[in-house]
């Protein structure tokens, strides 16, 4: 698990730090690092972050997929 600060807030305690599962863990829940309240599924967060990146990337910028793929 990774503890990270995101531009999100916990609905319960209003914290900004969340626990994100790493690739080898079975759970895919993202939870508040302070009160452990459920925030979202990791796939949902990944899709939201990807959509934001695509709308804010400057013209001609290479995406992660183009660099890796």
N, C-alpha and C. Protein backbone atom coordinates (compact mmCIF):
# COMPACT_ATOMS: atom_id res chain seq x y z
N UNK A 1 0.84 -1.18 0.00
CA UNK A 1 0.00 0.00 0.00
C UNK A 1 0.88 1.25 0.00
N UNK A 2 0.43 2.24 -0.72
CA UNK A 2 1.09 3.53 -0.75
C UNK A 2 0.20 4.55 -0.09
N UNK A 3 0.79 5.46 0.70
CA UNK A 3 0.04 6.58 1.25
C UNK A 3 0.41 7.81 0.44
N UNK A 4 -0.59 8.43 -0.18
CA UNK A 4 -0.35 9.57 -1.05
C UNK A 4 -1.33 10.69 -0.75
N UNK A 5 -0.93 11.91 -1.09
CA UNK A 5 -1.83 13.05 -0.99
C UNK A 5 -2.44 13.27 -2.37
N UNK A 6 -3.75 13.30 -2.43
CA UNK A 6 -4.45 13.50 -3.69
C UNK A 6 -5.27 14.78 -3.61
N UNK A 7 -5.66 15.28 -4.75
CA UNK A 7 -6.52 16.45 -4.80
C UNK A 7 -7.97 15.99 -4.63
N UNK A 8 -8.20 15.25 -3.55
CA UNK A 8 -9.51 14.73 -3.17
C UNK A 8 -9.66 14.96 -1.68
N UNK A 9 -10.85 14.85 -1.19
CA UNK A 9 -11.09 14.94 0.24
C UNK A 9 -11.95 13.76 0.68
N UNK A 10 -11.64 13.27 1.87
CA UNK A 10 -12.45 12.22 2.46
C UNK A 10 -13.80 12.80 2.84
N UNK A 11 -14.86 12.10 2.54
CA UNK A 11 -16.21 12.56 2.88
C UNK A 11 -16.48 12.48 4.37
N UNK A 12 -15.70 11.69 5.11
CA UNK A 12 -15.95 11.49 6.53
C UNK A 12 -15.13 12.47 7.38
N UNK A 13 -13.79 12.47 7.20
CA UNK A 13 -12.93 13.29 8.06
C UNK A 13 -12.28 14.47 7.32
N UNK A 14 -12.54 14.59 6.03
CA UNK A 14 -12.01 15.66 5.18
C UNK A 14 -10.49 15.59 5.00
N UNK A 15 -9.91 14.41 5.24
CA UNK A 15 -8.48 14.23 5.02
C UNK A 15 -8.14 14.23 3.54
N UNK A 16 -6.87 14.45 3.22
CA UNK A 16 -6.42 14.50 1.83
C UNK A 16 -5.42 13.39 1.51
N UNK A 17 -5.08 12.57 2.49
CA UNK A 17 -4.14 11.47 2.26
C UNK A 17 -4.91 10.17 2.15
N UNK A 18 -4.53 9.37 1.16
CA UNK A 18 -5.24 8.13 0.88
C UNK A 18 -4.28 6.98 0.75
N UNK A 19 -4.77 5.79 1.02
CA UNK A 19 -4.00 4.56 0.88
C UNK A 19 -4.40 3.93 -0.44
N UNK A 20 -3.39 3.72 -1.29
CA UNK A 20 -3.61 3.14 -2.62
C UNK A 20 -2.92 1.80 -2.67
N UNK A 21 -3.63 0.74 -3.09
CA UNK A 21 -2.99 -0.58 -3.17
C UNK A 21 -1.94 -0.62 -4.28
N UNK A 22 -0.89 -1.40 -4.05
CA UNK A 22 0.12 -1.59 -5.08
C UNK A 22 -0.26 -2.81 -5.92
N UNK A 23 0.43 -3.03 -7.00
CA UNK A 23 0.08 -4.07 -7.98
C UNK A 23 -0.02 -5.48 -7.44
N UNK A 24 0.72 -5.81 -6.39
CA UNK A 24 0.72 -7.19 -5.90
C UNK A 24 -0.33 -7.46 -4.84
N UNK A 25 -1.15 -6.48 -4.53
CA UNK A 25 -2.17 -6.66 -3.49
C UNK A 25 -3.51 -7.02 -4.11
N UNK A 26 -4.29 -7.78 -3.40
CA UNK A 26 -5.58 -8.25 -3.88
C UNK A 26 -6.66 -7.18 -3.82
N UNK A 27 -6.59 -6.30 -2.84
CA UNK A 27 -7.62 -5.27 -2.67
C UNK A 27 -7.44 -4.16 -3.69
N UNK A 28 -8.55 -3.60 -4.16
CA UNK A 28 -8.45 -2.47 -5.07
C UNK A 28 -9.20 -1.25 -4.54
N UNK A 29 -9.43 -1.23 -3.22
CA UNK A 29 -10.11 -0.10 -2.58
C UNK A 29 -9.11 1.00 -2.25
N UNK A 30 -9.49 2.23 -2.56
CA UNK A 30 -8.72 3.39 -2.11
C UNK A 30 -9.44 3.93 -0.90
N UNK A 31 -8.70 4.02 0.21
CA UNK A 31 -9.28 4.42 1.49
C UNK A 31 -8.53 5.60 2.07
N UNK A 32 -9.21 6.36 2.92
CA UNK A 32 -8.60 7.47 3.63
C UNK A 32 -7.49 6.93 4.53
N UNK A 33 -6.33 7.58 4.51
CA UNK A 33 -5.21 7.14 5.34
C UNK A 33 -5.45 7.45 6.81
N UNK A 34 -6.34 8.39 7.12
CA UNK A 34 -6.59 8.77 8.51
C UNK A 34 -7.71 7.94 9.15
N UNK A 35 -8.88 7.91 8.52
CA UNK A 35 -10.02 7.23 9.14
C UNK A 35 -10.38 5.92 8.45
N UNK A 36 -9.72 5.60 7.34
CA UNK A 36 -9.90 4.35 6.59
C UNK A 36 -11.26 4.23 5.91
N UNK A 37 -11.96 5.35 5.74
CA UNK A 37 -13.25 5.33 5.04
C UNK A 37 -13.00 5.04 3.56
N UNK A 38 -13.88 4.26 2.95
CA UNK A 38 -13.79 3.92 1.53
C UNK A 38 -14.01 5.17 0.68
N UNK A 39 -13.15 5.40 -0.32
CA UNK A 39 -13.32 6.53 -1.23
C UNK A 39 -13.75 6.07 -2.60
N UNK A 40 -13.01 5.14 -3.21
CA UNK A 40 -13.36 4.65 -4.55
C UNK A 40 -12.53 3.42 -4.87
N UNK A 41 -12.78 2.84 -6.01
CA UNK A 41 -11.99 1.71 -6.51
C UNK A 41 -10.80 2.27 -7.29
N UNK A 42 -9.69 1.57 -7.28
CA UNK A 42 -8.48 2.05 -7.96
C UNK A 42 -8.69 2.20 -9.46
N UNK A 43 -9.49 1.32 -10.07
CA UNK A 43 -9.76 1.44 -11.50
C UNK A 43 -10.51 2.73 -11.82
N UNK A 44 -11.44 3.12 -10.95
CA UNK A 44 -12.19 4.35 -11.16
C UNK A 44 -11.28 5.57 -11.06
N UNK A 45 -10.37 5.56 -10.09
CA UNK A 45 -9.43 6.67 -9.94
C UNK A 45 -8.50 6.74 -11.15
N UNK A 46 -8.04 5.60 -11.62
CA UNK A 46 -7.14 5.57 -12.78
C UNK A 46 -7.84 6.13 -14.01
N UNK A 47 -9.10 5.75 -14.23
CA UNK A 47 -9.84 6.28 -15.38
C UNK A 47 -10.03 7.78 -15.27
N UNK A 48 -10.35 8.27 -14.08
CA UNK A 48 -10.56 9.71 -13.88
C UNK A 48 -9.26 10.49 -14.11
N UNK A 49 -8.15 9.98 -13.59
CA UNK A 49 -6.87 10.65 -13.77
C UNK A 49 -6.45 10.64 -15.23
N UNK A 50 -6.70 9.55 -15.93
CA UNK A 50 -6.36 9.45 -17.34
C UNK A 50 -7.18 10.44 -18.16
N UNK A 51 -8.46 10.57 -17.85
CA UNK A 51 -9.33 11.51 -18.57
C UNK A 51 -8.87 12.95 -18.35
N UNK A 52 -8.47 13.27 -17.13
CA UNK A 52 -7.98 14.62 -16.83
C UNK A 52 -6.68 14.88 -17.58
N UNK A 53 -5.79 13.90 -17.60
CA UNK A 53 -4.52 14.05 -18.31
C UNK A 53 -4.75 14.30 -19.80
N UNK A 54 -5.68 13.59 -20.38
CA UNK A 54 -5.93 13.73 -21.82
C UNK A 54 -6.51 15.10 -22.15
N UNK A 55 -7.31 15.67 -21.26
CA UNK A 55 -7.91 16.98 -21.54
C UNK A 55 -6.97 18.13 -21.21
N UNK A 56 -5.95 17.90 -20.37
CA UNK A 56 -5.05 18.98 -19.98
C UNK A 56 -3.68 18.88 -20.62
N UNK A 57 -3.38 17.81 -21.34
CA UNK A 57 -2.07 17.65 -21.97
C UNK A 57 -1.92 18.66 -23.10
N UNK A 58 -0.76 19.32 -23.17
CA UNK A 58 -0.54 20.27 -24.26
C UNK A 58 -0.51 19.57 -25.61
N UNK A 59 -0.84 20.29 -26.65
CA UNK A 59 -0.84 19.70 -28.00
C UNK A 59 0.53 19.17 -28.33
N UNK A 60 0.58 17.99 -28.89
CA UNK A 60 1.84 17.38 -29.29
C UNK A 60 2.54 16.64 -28.17
N UNK A 61 1.97 16.67 -26.97
CA UNK A 61 2.60 15.96 -25.85
C UNK A 61 2.40 14.46 -26.03
N UNK A 62 3.39 13.71 -25.66
CA UNK A 62 3.30 12.25 -25.74
C UNK A 62 2.61 11.72 -24.51
N UNK A 63 1.68 10.82 -24.70
CA UNK A 63 1.03 10.19 -23.57
C UNK A 63 1.89 9.04 -23.06
N UNK A 64 1.60 8.58 -21.86
CA UNK A 64 2.30 7.44 -21.26
C UNK A 64 2.15 6.21 -22.15
N UNK A 65 0.96 6.01 -22.72
CA UNK A 65 0.71 4.85 -23.55
C UNK A 65 1.61 4.87 -24.78
N UNK A 66 1.83 6.05 -25.39
CA UNK A 66 2.68 6.12 -26.57
C UNK A 66 4.13 5.87 -26.21
N UNK A 67 4.55 6.30 -25.03
CA UNK A 67 5.92 6.08 -24.61
C UNK A 67 6.18 4.62 -24.29
N UNK A 68 5.20 3.94 -23.68
CA UNK A 68 5.37 2.55 -23.27
C UNK A 68 5.07 1.60 -24.40
N UNK A 69 3.99 1.86 -25.13
CA UNK A 69 3.50 0.95 -26.15
C UNK A 69 4.28 1.01 -27.38
